[in-house]
Amino acid sequence: MADHRVALFSRYPMPGKSKTRLIPALGPEGASQCQVMMTERLLAELHQAPGTAVEVWYAGGDLARMRYWLDRRWPGLRYREQRSKDLGCNIAAAFNSAFAEGADRVIVVGASLPMTKFL
């Protein structure tokens, strides 16, 4: 059976730490809520794609906070911490780990893509 994966890059929605470029317009809480909405909208769409495993590559927060936030609605997600401050290194790590684990196809997306349609 084929192993198709989506590596979703997101950030834990901590006020003042997520969507920082939006803080001047939305304030820290509003920018954080924007992070929540964008990540959850994309996960809701990805959840409908049959035969695709979703890995959440997160920055900020920790595994327990990410699971508390997302597992209630999307159980079974895999979580990977973004270990580098360099986005390119994190993207390479997502591809490398997925293919090393036997994935046939891998796509990397960021939660900041507001109009993405996969289906």
N, C-alpha and C. Protein backbone atom coordinates (compact mmCIF):
# COMPACT_ATOMS: atom_id res chain seq x y z
N MET A 1 0.85 -1.19 0.00
CA MET A 1 0.00 0.00 0.00
C MET A 1 0.89 1.25 0.00
N ALA A 2 0.48 2.24 -0.74
CA ALA A 2 1.25 3.48 -0.87
C ALA A 2 1.24 4.26 0.44
N ASP A 3 2.35 4.92 0.70
CA ASP A 3 2.48 5.77 1.88
C ASP A 3 2.61 7.21 1.40
N HIS A 4 1.51 7.94 1.46
CA HIS A 4 1.50 9.35 1.07
C HIS A 4 1.43 10.20 2.33
N ARG A 5 2.24 11.24 2.36
CA ARG A 5 2.30 12.08 3.55
C ARG A 5 2.21 13.56 3.22
N VAL A 6 1.62 14.28 4.16
CA VAL A 6 1.63 15.73 4.14
C VAL A 6 2.32 16.19 5.41
N ALA A 7 3.36 16.99 5.24
CA ALA A 7 4.04 17.61 6.38
C ALA A 7 3.49 19.03 6.49
N LEU A 8 2.68 19.24 7.52
CA LEU A 8 2.06 20.55 7.75
C LEU A 8 2.91 21.33 8.73
N PHE A 9 3.44 22.45 8.28
CA PHE A 9 4.25 23.30 9.13
C PHE A 9 3.37 24.34 9.79
N SER A 10 3.44 24.40 11.11
CA SER A 10 2.63 25.33 11.88
C SER A 10 3.38 25.74 13.13
N ARG A 11 2.75 26.61 13.88
CA ARG A 11 3.34 27.12 15.12
C ARG A 11 2.27 27.05 16.20
N TYR A 12 2.69 26.76 17.42
CA TYR A 12 1.75 26.78 18.53
C TYR A 12 1.24 28.22 18.69
N PRO A 13 -0.07 28.41 18.82
CA PRO A 13 -0.65 29.75 18.84
C PRO A 13 -0.50 30.48 20.18
N MET A 14 0.70 30.96 20.43
CA MET A 14 0.97 31.69 21.66
C MET A 14 0.93 33.19 21.36
N PRO A 15 0.07 33.94 22.04
CA PRO A 15 -0.01 35.39 21.78
C PRO A 15 1.37 36.05 21.90
N GLY A 16 1.69 36.84 20.89
CA GLY A 16 2.97 37.53 20.85
C GLY A 16 4.07 36.73 20.19
N LYS A 17 3.82 35.44 19.93
CA LYS A 17 4.84 34.56 19.33
C LYS A 17 4.42 33.98 17.99
N SER A 18 3.15 34.05 17.66
CA SER A 18 2.70 33.50 16.38
C SER A 18 2.07 34.61 15.53
N LYS A 19 2.29 34.48 14.24
CA LYS A 19 1.79 35.47 13.27
C LYS A 19 2.19 36.88 13.69
N THR A 20 3.47 37.04 14.02
CA THR A 20 3.95 38.31 14.59
C THR A 20 3.80 39.49 13.63
N ARG A 21 3.84 39.24 12.32
CA ARG A 21 3.67 40.35 11.36
C ARG A 21 2.24 40.89 11.36
N LEU A 22 1.31 40.11 11.90
CA LEU A 22 -0.09 40.56 11.97
C LEU A 22 -0.42 41.28 13.27
N ILE A 23 0.50 41.27 14.22
CA ILE A 23 0.23 41.89 15.53
C ILE A 23 -0.12 43.38 15.41
N PRO A 24 0.57 44.16 14.56
CA PRO A 24 0.19 45.58 14.47
C PRO A 24 -1.27 45.79 14.06
N ALA A 25 -1.78 44.91 13.21
CA ALA A 25 -3.16 45.06 12.75
C ALA A 25 -4.17 44.36 13.65
N LEU A 26 -3.80 43.19 14.22
CA LEU A 26 -4.77 42.37 14.96
C LEU A 26 -4.53 42.31 16.46
N GLY A 27 -3.35 42.75 16.91
CA GLY A 27 -2.97 42.59 18.31
C GLY A 27 -2.47 41.18 18.54
N PRO A 28 -1.79 40.94 19.67
CA PRO A 28 -1.24 39.61 19.94
C PRO A 28 -2.28 38.49 19.99
N GLU A 29 -3.42 38.75 20.63
CA GLU A 29 -4.47 37.72 20.72
C GLU A 29 -5.09 37.44 19.36
N GLY A 30 -5.34 38.50 18.59
CA GLY A 30 -5.93 38.33 17.26
C GLY A 30 -5.00 37.58 16.33
N ALA A 31 -3.71 37.90 16.37
CA ALA A 31 -2.74 37.19 15.54
C ALA A 31 -2.65 35.72 15.93
N SER A 32 -2.69 35.45 17.23
CA SER A 32 -2.66 34.08 17.71
C SER A 32 -3.92 33.32 17.25
N GLN A 33 -5.06 33.97 17.31
CA GLN A 33 -6.30 33.34 16.87
C GLN A 33 -6.28 33.09 15.36
N CYS A 34 -5.62 33.97 14.63
CA CYS A 34 -5.45 33.75 13.19
C CYS A 34 -4.66 32.48 12.94
N GLN A 35 -3.62 32.25 13.74
CA GLN A 35 -2.83 31.01 13.63
C GLN A 35 -3.72 29.79 13.85
N VAL A 36 -4.57 29.86 14.87
CA VAL A 36 -5.49 28.76 15.16
C VAL A 36 -6.40 28.50 13.96
N MET A 37 -7.02 29.54 13.46
CA MET A 37 -7.98 29.38 12.37
C MET A 37 -7.32 28.83 11.11
N MET A 38 -6.15 29.34 10.77
CA MET A 38 -5.48 28.88 9.55
C MET A 38 -5.04 27.42 9.66
N THR A 39 -4.49 27.06 10.80
CA THR A 39 -4.04 25.68 11.00
C THR A 39 -5.24 24.73 11.00
N GLU A 40 -6.28 25.07 11.73
CA GLU A 40 -7.44 24.19 11.83
C GLU A 40 -8.19 24.07 10.51
N ARG A 41 -8.26 25.12 9.73
CA ARG A 41 -8.94 25.06 8.44
C ARG A 41 -8.19 24.10 7.51
N LEU A 42 -6.88 24.21 7.50
CA LEU A 42 -6.08 23.34 6.64
C LEU A 42 -6.16 21.88 7.11
N LEU A 43 -6.10 21.65 8.41
CA LEU A 43 -6.22 20.28 8.93
C LEU A 43 -7.58 19.68 8.60
N ALA A 44 -8.63 20.48 8.68
CA ALA A 44 -9.96 19.97 8.35
C ALA A 44 -10.02 19.51 6.90
N GLU A 45 -9.37 20.23 6.02
CA GLU A 45 -9.36 19.83 4.62
C GLU A 45 -8.47 18.60 4.40
N LEU A 46 -7.29 18.60 5.01
CA LEU A 46 -6.39 17.47 4.85
C LEU A 46 -6.97 16.19 5.42
N HIS A 47 -7.76 16.31 6.46
CA HIS A 47 -8.37 15.14 7.10
C HIS A 47 -9.31 14.41 6.14
N GLN A 48 -9.81 15.11 5.13
CA GLN A 48 -10.73 14.51 4.17
C GLN A 48 -10.01 13.75 3.06
N ALA A 49 -8.69 13.91 2.96
CA ALA A 49 -7.93 13.25 1.90
C ALA A 49 -7.67 11.80 2.29
N PRO A 50 -8.30 10.84 1.62
CA PRO A 50 -8.13 9.44 2.00
C PRO A 50 -6.71 8.95 1.69
N GLY A 51 -6.20 8.10 2.58
CA GLY A 51 -4.91 7.47 2.35
C GLY A 51 -3.70 8.37 2.53
N THR A 52 -3.89 9.49 3.19
CA THR A 52 -2.78 10.42 3.40
C THR A 52 -2.56 10.62 4.88
N ALA A 53 -1.33 10.38 5.33
CA ALA A 53 -0.97 10.61 6.72
C ALA A 53 -0.50 12.06 6.87
N VAL A 54 -0.97 12.71 7.92
CA VAL A 54 -0.58 14.10 8.17
C VAL A 54 0.38 14.15 9.35
N GLU A 55 1.50 14.81 9.14
CA GLU A 55 2.46 15.07 10.20
C GLU A 55 2.46 16.57 10.46
N VAL A 56 2.32 16.96 11.70
CA VAL A 56 2.38 18.38 12.07
C VAL A 56 3.79 18.68 12.53
N TRP A 57 4.48 19.50 11.78
CA TRP A 57 5.82 19.96 12.13
C TRP A 57 5.64 21.30 12.82
N TYR A 58 5.84 21.33 14.13
CA TYR A 58 5.49 22.51 14.92
C TYR A 58 6.72 23.24 15.45
N ALA A 59 6.51 24.52 15.67
CA ALA A 59 7.48 25.37 16.36
C ALA A 59 6.73 26.05 17.50
N GLY A 60 7.43 26.38 18.55
CA GLY A 60 6.78 26.99 19.70
C GLY A 60 5.98 25.96 20.48
N GLY A 61 5.68 26.27 21.70
CA GLY A 61 4.94 25.32 22.52
C GLY A 61 5.76 24.05 22.73
N ASP A 62 5.08 22.96 22.98
CA ASP A 62 5.73 21.67 23.13
C ASP A 62 4.74 20.60 22.70
N LEU A 63 5.17 19.36 22.71
CA LEU A 63 4.32 18.27 22.24
C LEU A 63 3.02 18.18 23.01
N ALA A 64 3.06 18.31 24.32
CA ALA A 64 1.84 18.22 25.13
C ALA A 64 0.83 19.31 24.74
N ARG A 65 1.30 20.52 24.54
CA ARG A 65 0.38 21.61 24.15
C ARG A 65 -0.19 21.39 22.76
N MET A 66 0.66 20.93 21.83
CA MET A 66 0.16 20.67 20.48
C MET A 66 -0.91 19.58 20.51
N ARG A 67 -0.66 18.53 21.25
CA ARG A 67 -1.65 17.45 21.34
C ARG A 67 -2.94 17.91 22.00
N TYR A 68 -2.82 18.70 23.05
CA TYR A 68 -4.02 19.20 23.72
C TYR A 68 -4.86 20.03 22.76
N TRP A 69 -4.19 20.83 21.96
CA TRP A 69 -4.87 21.69 20.99
C TRP A 69 -5.53 20.89 19.87
N LEU A 70 -4.80 19.95 19.27
CA LEU A 70 -5.27 19.36 18.02
C LEU A 70 -5.81 17.94 18.12
N ASP A 71 -5.39 17.14 19.09
CA ASP A 71 -5.79 15.73 19.14
C ASP A 71 -7.28 15.51 19.39
N ARG A 72 -7.92 16.43 20.07
CA ARG A 72 -9.35 16.23 20.34
C ARG A 72 -10.15 16.19 19.04
N ARG A 73 -9.74 16.98 18.08
CA ARG A 73 -10.48 17.04 16.82
C ARG A 73 -9.89 16.12 15.75
N TRP A 74 -8.57 15.94 15.78
CA TRP A 74 -7.89 15.11 14.78
C TRP A 74 -6.98 14.10 15.47
N PRO A 75 -7.54 13.07 16.07
CA PRO A 75 -6.69 12.06 16.72
C PRO A 75 -5.86 11.32 15.67
N GLY A 76 -4.69 10.89 16.06
CA GLY A 76 -3.85 10.12 15.16
C GLY A 76 -2.84 10.94 14.37
N LEU A 77 -2.82 12.24 14.59
CA LEU A 77 -1.79 13.04 13.93
C LEU A 77 -0.42 12.67 14.46
N ARG A 78 0.57 12.77 13.62
CA ARG A 78 1.96 12.61 14.06
C ARG A 78 2.55 14.00 14.23
N TYR A 79 3.35 14.15 15.25
CA TYR A 79 3.95 15.45 15.54
C TYR A 79 5.46 15.36 15.46
N ARG A 80 6.05 16.38 14.88
CA ARG A 80 7.50 16.49 14.80
C ARG A 80 7.86 17.94 15.13
N GLU A 81 8.82 18.09 15.99
CA GLU A 81 9.26 19.44 16.35
C GLU A 81 10.21 19.96 15.28
N GLN A 82 10.02 21.23 14.91
CA GLN A 82 10.98 21.89 14.03
C GLN A 82 12.20 22.22 14.87
N ARG A 83 13.30 21.55 14.61
CA ARG A 83 14.48 21.67 15.47
C ARG A 83 15.42 22.80 15.08
N SER A 84 15.30 23.30 13.88
CA SER A 84 16.19 24.36 13.42
C SER A 84 15.43 25.68 13.33
N LYS A 85 16.14 26.76 13.41
CA LYS A 85 15.53 28.08 13.18
C LYS A 85 15.50 28.38 11.68
N ASP A 86 16.13 27.54 10.89
CA ASP A 86 16.20 27.70 9.44
C ASP A 86 15.08 26.88 8.79
N LEU A 87 14.14 27.56 8.15
CA LEU A 87 12.99 26.89 7.55
C LEU A 87 13.43 25.86 6.51
N GLY A 88 14.42 26.20 5.70
CA GLY A 88 14.89 25.27 4.68
C GLY A 88 15.40 23.97 5.28
N CYS A 89 16.11 24.06 6.40
CA CYS A 89 16.61 22.86 7.08
C CYS A 89 15.45 22.02 7.61
N ASN A 90 14.41 22.67 8.13
CA ASN A 90 13.25 21.94 8.63
C ASN A 90 12.47 21.27 7.51
N ILE A 91 12.36 21.94 6.38
CA ILE A 91 11.67 21.34 5.23
C ILE A 91 12.46 20.13 4.73
N ALA A 92 13.76 20.27 4.64
CA ALA A 92 14.60 19.14 4.22
C ALA A 92 14.45 17.97 5.19
N ALA A 93 14.39 18.27 6.48
CA ALA A 93 14.22 17.21 7.49
C ALA A 93 12.88 16.50 7.31
N ALA A 94 11.84 17.25 6.96
CA ALA A 94 10.52 16.64 6.75
C ALA A 94 10.55 15.67 5.57
N PHE A 95 11.13 16.10 4.47
CA PHE A 95 11.25 15.21 3.31
C PHE A 95 12.13 14.01 3.63
N ASN A 96 13.29 14.26 4.19
CA ASN A 96 14.24 13.18 4.46
C ASN A 96 13.67 12.13 5.40
N SER A 97 13.02 12.56 6.47
CA SER A 97 12.48 11.58 7.42
C SER A 97 11.33 10.78 6.80
N ALA A 98 10.47 11.45 6.04
CA ALA A 98 9.34 10.74 5.43
C ALA A 98 9.83 9.70 4.43
N PHE A 99 10.75 10.07 3.58
CA PHE A 99 11.25 9.10 2.60
C PHE A 99 12.06 8.00 3.27
N ALA A 100 12.81 8.33 4.31
CA ALA A 100 13.57 7.31 5.04
C ALA A 100 12.64 6.29 5.70
N GLU A 101 11.43 6.72 6.05
CA GLU A 101 10.45 5.83 6.68
C GLU A 101 9.59 5.10 5.66
N GLY A 102 9.87 5.28 4.38
CA GLY A 102 9.17 4.53 3.35
C GLY A 102 8.06 5.26 2.62
N ALA A 103 7.91 6.55 2.82
CA ALA A 103 6.87 7.29 2.11
C ALA A 103 7.15 7.28 0.61
N ASP A 104 6.08 7.14 -0.18
CA ASP A 104 6.19 7.18 -1.64
C ASP A 104 6.08 8.61 -2.16
N ARG A 105 5.22 9.37 -1.52
CA ARG A 105 4.98 10.76 -1.94
C ARG A 105 4.90 11.63 -0.69
N VAL A 106 5.47 12.82 -0.80
CA VAL A 106 5.48 13.75 0.33
C VAL A 106 5.22 15.15 -0.20
N ILE A 107 4.38 15.87 0.50
CA ILE A 107 4.17 17.28 0.20
C ILE A 107 4.32 18.06 1.50
N VAL A 108 4.93 19.22 1.41
CA VAL A 108 5.10 20.09 2.57
C VAL A 108 4.24 21.33 2.33
N VAL A 109 3.42 21.67 3.32
CA VAL A 109 2.58 22.86 3.24
C VAL A 109 2.70 23.64 4.55
N GLY A 110 2.50 24.93 4.44
CA GLY A 110 2.49 25.77 5.62
C GLY A 110 1.06 26.16 5.96
N ALA A 111 0.79 26.27 7.24
CA ALA A 111 -0.56 26.65 7.68
C ALA A 111 -0.92 28.06 7.24
N SER A 112 0.05 28.82 6.78
CA SER A 112 -0.19 30.20 6.36
C SER A 112 -0.74 30.32 4.95
N LEU A 113 -1.02 29.21 4.31
CA LEU A 113 -1.59 29.26 2.96
C LEU A 113 -3.11 29.38 3.08
N PRO A 114 -3.64 30.58 3.03
CA PRO A 114 -5.06 30.77 3.36
C PRO A 114 -6.06 30.21 2.37
N MET A 115 -5.71 30.07 1.10
CA MET A 115 -6.71 29.64 0.12
C MET A 115 -6.37 28.30 -0.51
N THR A 116 -5.62 27.47 0.18
CA THR A 116 -5.21 26.18 -0.37
C THR A 116 -6.42 25.24 -0.47
N LYS A 117 -6.54 24.58 -1.61
CA LYS A 117 -7.56 23.56 -1.79
C LYS A 117 -6.87 22.31 -2.28
N PHE A 118 -7.01 21.21 -1.55
CA PHE A 118 -6.37 19.95 -1.91
C PHE A 118 -7.33 18.97 -2.55
N LEU A 119 -8.59 19.13 -2.30
CA LEU A 119 -9.55 18.15 -2.82
C LEU A 119 -10.31 18.70 -3.99
